[in-house]
Amino acid sequence: MEDWIVWIIIIALAIIIGNQTRERQARETEGMTKKQKEKYFEDIKKKQKENARVLWWILGIIIVIIILFFLFLLS
């Protein structure tokens, strides 16, 4: 498969996922007051920060394992 086809597929998937997320949030916040919507989006941001923190830890552990692997491989 050509490289540009892969990139078109990745971009299309990102657009589709973004649209689905926007539609889901619109459905979930329908009928909420402004304060309730603000709290809803604030809770989402908190969850995203927690998830990002976990992902950074996992990435750090993987990098350390790779470095240790290469150190043992070279010694």
Protein backbone atom coordinates (compact mmCIF):
# COMPACT_ATOMS: atom_id res chain seq x y z
CA MET A 1 0.00 0.00 0.00
CA GLU A 2 1.21 3.47 -0.79
CA ASP A 3 2.27 5.73 2.07
CA TRP A 4 -0.19 8.47 1.15
CA ILE A 5 -3.12 6.03 1.34
CA VAL A 6 -2.13 5.10 4.88
CA TRP A 7 -1.97 8.78 5.86
CA ILE A 8 -5.37 9.46 4.29
CA ILE A 9 -6.85 6.56 6.28
CA ILE A 10 -5.27 7.80 9.54
CA ILE A 11 -6.57 11.35 8.98
CA ALA A 12 -10.04 10.07 8.09
CA LEU A 13 -10.15 7.96 11.26
CA ALA A 14 -9.08 10.94 13.37
CA ILE A 15 -11.88 13.06 11.84
CA ILE A 16 -14.47 10.32 12.37
CA ILE A 17 -13.44 9.79 16.01
CA GLY A 18 -13.52 13.55 16.64
CA ASN A 19 -17.01 13.85 15.17
CA GLN A 20 -18.30 10.91 17.20
CA THR A 21 -16.87 12.40 20.38
CA ARG A 22 -18.45 15.78 19.67
CA GLU A 23 -21.84 14.16 18.94
CA ARG A 24 -21.67 12.04 22.11
CA GLN A 25 -20.86 15.08 24.25
CA ALA A 26 -23.71 17.01 22.65
CA ARG A 27 -26.14 14.18 23.47
CA GLU A 28 -24.87 13.84 27.04
CA THR A 29 -25.00 17.58 27.78
CA GLU A 30 -28.41 18.13 26.19
CA GLY A 31 -30.70 19.78 28.71
CA MET A 32 -27.90 20.64 31.16
CA THR A 33 -27.45 24.07 32.61
CA LYS A 34 -24.30 26.05 31.90
CA LYS A 35 -22.84 25.16 35.33
CA GLN A 36 -23.56 21.47 34.82
CA LYS A 37 -21.87 21.57 31.41
CA GLU A 38 -18.82 23.29 32.87
CA LYS A 39 -18.56 20.64 35.58
CA TYR A 40 -19.02 17.87 33.00
CA PHE A 41 -16.17 19.17 30.83
CA GLU A 42 -14.00 19.84 33.90
CA ASP A 43 -14.44 16.21 34.97
CA ILE A 44 -13.45 15.06 31.48
CA LYS A 45 -10.27 17.17 31.65
CA LYS A 46 -9.39 15.68 35.05
CA LYS A 47 -9.82 12.15 33.71
CA GLN A 48 -7.69 12.96 30.68
CA LYS A 49 -4.92 14.32 32.92
CA GLU A 50 -5.01 11.17 35.06
CA ASN A 51 -4.90 8.97 31.98
CA ALA A 52 -2.02 10.98 30.52
CA ARG A 53 -0.08 10.64 33.76
CA VAL A 54 -0.48 6.85 33.65
CA LEU A 55 0.55 6.72 30.01
CA TRP A 56 3.70 8.77 30.72
CA TRP A 57 4.63 6.34 33.52
CA ILE A 58 4.13 3.37 31.20
CA LEU A 59 6.17 5.06 28.46
CA GLY A 60 8.94 5.83 30.95
CA ILE A 61 9.05 2.23 32.15
CA ILE A 62 9.22 0.97 28.56
CA ILE A 63 12.09 3.37 27.77
CA VAL A 64 13.99 2.25 30.88
CA ILE A 65 13.51 -1.40 29.91
CA ILE A 66 14.78 -0.71 26.39
CA ILE A 67 17.82 1.15 27.73
CA LEU A 68 18.60 -1.67 30.17
CA PHE A 69 18.20 -4.22 27.37
CA PHE A 70 20.72 -2.38 25.20
CA LEU A 71 23.12 -1.91 28.12
CA PHE A 72 23.10 -5.65 28.80
CA LEU A 73 23.33 -6.36 25.09
CA LEU A 74 26.41 -4.16 24.66
CA SER A 75 28.23 -5.34 27.77
